[in-house]
C-alpha atoms as a PDB file:
ATOM      1  CA  MET A   1      -8.972 137.740 228.952  1.00  0.00           C
ATOM      2  CA  ARG A   2      -8.709 137.185 232.699  1.00  0.00           C
ATOM      3  CA  GLU A   3     -11.168 138.942 234.983  1.00  0.00           C
ATOM      4  CA  ALA A   4      -9.769 141.026 237.818  1.00  0.00           C
ATOM      5  CA  ALA A   5     -10.042 139.657 241.336  1.00  0.00           C
ATOM      6  CA  PRO A   6     -12.468 141.504 243.594  1.00  0.00           C
ATOM      7  CA  SER A   7     -10.932 144.339 245.582  1.00  0.00           C
ATOM      8  CA  ASN A   8     -10.879 144.330 249.364  1.00  0.00           C
ATOM      9  CA  LEU A   9     -13.755 146.831 249.342  1.00  0.00           C
ATOM     10  CA  GLU A  10     -15.808 144.595 247.045  1.00  0.00           C
ATOM     11  CA  GLU A  11     -15.094 141.577 249.241  1.00  0.00           C
ATOM     12  CA  SER A  12     -16.081 143.604 252.322  1.00  0.00           C
ATOM     13  CA  ILE A  13     -19.323 144.774 250.724  1.00  0.00           C
ATOM     14  CA  LEU A  14     -20.237 141.194 249.776  1.00  0.00           C
ATOM     15  CA  ALA A  15     -19.290 139.866 253.224  1.00  0.00           C
ATOM     16  CA  PHE A  16     -21.391 142.537 254.943  1.00  0.00           C
ATOM     17  CA  GLY A  17     -24.269 141.727 252.608  1.00  0.00           C
ATOM     18  CA  ARG A  18     -24.014 138.007 253.406  1.00  0.00           C
ATOM     19  CA  SER A  19     -23.962 138.768 257.127  1.00  0.00           C
ATOM     20  CA  TRP A  20     -26.964 141.083 257.090  1.00  0.00           C
ATOM     21  CA  TYR A  21     -29.293 139.980 254.271  1.00  0.00           C
ATOM     22  CA  LYS A  22     -31.440 137.893 256.641  1.00  0.00           C
ATOM     23  CA  TYR A  23     -32.065 141.062 258.664  1.00  0.00           C
ATOM     24  CA  GLY A  24     -32.950 143.395 255.827  1.00  0.00           C
ATOM     25  CA  GLY A  25     -29.412 144.403 254.902  1.00  0.00           C
ATOM     26  CA  GLY A  26     -28.141 146.265 257.952  1.00  0.00           C
ATOM     27  CA  SER A  27     -28.879 149.712 259.291  1.00  0.00           C
ATOM     28  CA  GLU A  28     -27.962 152.922 257.525  1.00  0.00           C
ATOM     29  CA  GLU A  29     -25.701 153.764 260.471  1.00  0.00           C
ATOM     30  CA  ASP A  30     -23.843 150.427 260.328  1.00  0.00           C
ATOM     31  CA  ILE A  31     -23.341 150.813 256.585  1.00  0.00           C
ATOM     32  CA  TYR A  32     -22.011 154.340 256.981  1.00  0.00           C
ATOM     33  CA  VAL A  33     -19.668 153.389 259.828  1.00  0.00           C
ATOM     34  CA  GLN A  34     -18.356 150.332 257.966  1.00  0.00           C
ATOM     35  CA  PHE A  35     -17.975 151.828 254.483  1.00  0.00           C
ATOM     36  CA  GLY A  36     -18.440 155.590 254.680  1.00  0.00           C
ATOM     37  CA  LEU A  37     -21.279 155.235 252.176  1.00  0.00           C
ATOM     38  CA  SER A  38     -24.935 156.109 252.247  1.00  0.00           C
ATOM     39  CA  ALA A  39     -27.205 153.081 252.363  1.00  0.00           C
ATOM     40  CA  ARG A  40     -28.323 153.824 248.800  1.00  0.00           C
ATOM     41  CA  SER A  41     -24.734 153.886 247.488  1.00  0.00           C
ATOM     42  CA  TYR A  42     -23.924 150.677 249.356  1.00  0.00           C
ATOM     43  CA  PHE A  43     -26.942 148.797 247.965  1.00  0.00           C
ATOM     44  CA  GLU A  44     -26.266 150.088 244.451  1.00  0.00           C
ATOM     45  CA  ARG A  45     -22.713 148.730 244.668  1.00  0.00           C
ATOM     46  CA  LEU A  46     -23.850 145.475 246.236  1.00  0.00           C
ATOM     47  CA  ALA A  47     -26.438 144.950 243.484  1.00  0.00           C
ATOM     48  CA  VAL A  48     -23.756 145.355 240.810  1.00  0.00           C
ATOM     49  CA  LEU A  49     -21.404 142.980 242.631  1.00  0.00           C
ATOM     50  CA  LEU A  50     -24.112 140.330 242.997  1.00  0.00           C
ATOM     51  CA  ASP A  51     -24.464 140.192 239.215  1.00  0.00           C
ATOM     52  CA  GLY A  52     -20.736 140.195 238.527  1.00  0.00           C
ATOM     53  CA  PRO A  53     -17.763 137.878 238.775  1.00  0.00           C
ATOM     54  CA  ALA A  54     -17.128 138.698 242.461  1.00  0.00           C
ATOM     55  CA  ALA A  55     -20.257 136.707 243.387  1.00  0.00           C
ATOM     56  CA  SER A  56     -19.569 133.746 241.114  1.00  0.00           C
ATOM     57  CA  GLY A  57     -19.430 130.457 242.932  1.00  0.00           C
ATOM     58  CA  LYS A  58     -21.753 131.647 245.690  1.00  0.00           C
ATOM     59  CA  GLU A  59     -25.005 129.841 246.436  1.00  0.00           C
ATOM     60  CA  GLU A  60     -27.696 131.052 244.047  1.00  0.00           C
ATOM     61  CA  PRO A  61     -30.551 131.021 246.608  1.00  0.00           C
ATOM     62  CA  THR A  62     -28.508 133.318 248.840  1.00  0.00           C
ATOM     63  CA  LEU A  63     -27.660 135.603 245.920  1.00  0.00           C
ATOM     64  CA  HIS A  64     -31.319 135.713 244.913  1.00  0.00           C
ATOM     65  CA  THR A  65     -32.360 136.762 248.423  1.00  0.00           C
ATOM     66  CA  MET A  66     -29.555 139.333 248.625  1.00  0.00           C
ATOM     67  CA  ARG A  67     -30.704 140.805 245.280  1.00  0.00           C
ATOM     68  CA  ALA A  68     -34.237 141.039 246.683  1.00  0.00           C
ATOM     69  CA  VAL A  69     -32.939 142.925 249.739  1.00  0.00           C
ATOM     70  CA  CYS A  70     -31.083 145.331 247.440  1.00  0.00           C
ATOM     71  CA  ALA A  71     -34.221 145.907 245.361  1.00  0.00           C
ATOM     72  CA  THR A  72     -36.276 146.600 248.481  1.00  0.00           C
ATOM     73  CA  ARG A  73     -33.716 148.983 249.931  1.00  0.00           C
ATOM     74  CA  LEU A  74     -33.344 150.837 246.622  1.00  0.00           C
ATOM     75  CA  ARG A  75     -37.084 151.548 246.256  1.00  0.00           C
END
Protein backbone atom coordinates (compact mmCIF):
# COMPACT_ATOMS: atom_id res chain seq x y z
CA MET A 1 0.00 0.00 0.00
CA ARG A 2 1.29 3.44 -0.94
CA GLU A 3 1.55 6.10 1.75
CA ALA A 4 -0.16 9.42 1.12
CA ALA A 5 2.02 12.41 0.32
CA PRO A 6 2.17 15.06 3.02
CA SER A 7 -0.44 17.79 2.72
CA ASN A 8 0.50 21.41 2.21
CA LEU A 9 -0.27 22.06 5.88
CA GLU A 10 2.01 19.20 6.96
CA GLU A 11 4.78 20.47 4.69
CA SER A 12 4.31 23.98 6.11
CA ILE A 13 4.44 22.74 9.69
CA LEU A 14 7.66 20.81 8.98
CA ALA A 15 9.21 23.76 7.13
CA PHE A 16 8.38 26.13 9.99
CA GLY A 17 9.82 23.63 12.44
CA ARG A 18 13.05 23.35 10.43
CA SER A 19 13.32 27.14 10.28
CA TRP A 20 12.77 27.71 13.98
CA TYR A 21 14.09 24.67 15.88
CA LYS A 22 17.46 26.33 16.53
CA TYR A 23 15.59 29.15 18.28
CA GLY A 24 13.32 27.07 20.47
CA GLY A 25 10.56 26.51 17.92
CA GLY A 26 9.16 29.98 17.27
CA SER A 27 6.94 32.22 19.33
CA GLU A 28 3.35 31.44 20.20
CA GLU A 29 2.32 34.53 18.23
CA ASP A 30 4.23 33.48 15.09
CA ILE A 31 2.72 30.00 15.27
CA TYR A 32 -0.79 31.39 15.66
CA VAL A 33 -0.37 33.89 12.81
CA GLN A 34 1.12 31.26 10.49
CA PHE A 35 -1.20 28.34 11.26
CA GLY A 36 -4.11 29.58 13.36
CA LEU A 37 -3.11 27.04 16.00
CA SER A 38 -2.11 27.31 19.62
CA ALA A 39 1.55 26.54 20.23
CA ARG A 40 0.54 23.31 21.98
CA SER A 41 -1.53 22.12 19.00
CA TYR A 42 1.27 23.02 16.60
CA PHE A 43 3.93 21.12 18.58
CA GLU A 44 1.63 18.12 19.00
CA ARG A 45 1.16 17.99 15.22
CA LEU A 46 4.84 18.57 14.55
CA ALA A 47 5.81 15.75 16.93
CA VAL A 48 3.53 13.33 15.07
CA LEU A 49 4.89 14.44 11.69
CA LEU A 50 8.50 14.01 12.83
CA ASP A 51 7.82 10.34 13.54
CA GLY A 52 5.89 9.73 10.33
CA PRO A 53 6.51 9.35 6.63
CA ALA A 54 6.45 13.13 5.99
CA ALA A 55 9.84 13.42 7.73
CA SER A 56 11.44 10.42 6.06
CA GLY A 57 14.62 11.24 4.22
CA LYS A 58 15.41 14.19 6.47
CA GLU A 59 18.65 14.36 8.43
CA GLU A 60 18.29 12.37 11.64
CA PRO A 61 20.31 14.78 13.84
CA THR A 62 17.97 17.60 12.81
CA LEU A 63 14.90 15.45 13.46
CA HIS A 64 16.28 14.46 16.86
CA THR A 65 16.77 18.11 17.83
CA MET A 66 13.33 19.07 16.50
CA ARG A 67 11.78 16.25 18.59
CA ALA A 68 13.60 17.62 21.64
CA VAL A 69 12.17 21.10 20.98
CA CYS A 70 8.68 19.59 20.72
CA ALA A 71 9.14 17.72 24.00
CA THR A 72 10.31 20.88 25.75
CA ARG A 73 7.46 22.97 24.40
CA LEU A 74 4.88 20.32 25.32
CA ARG A 75 5.95 20.12 28.99
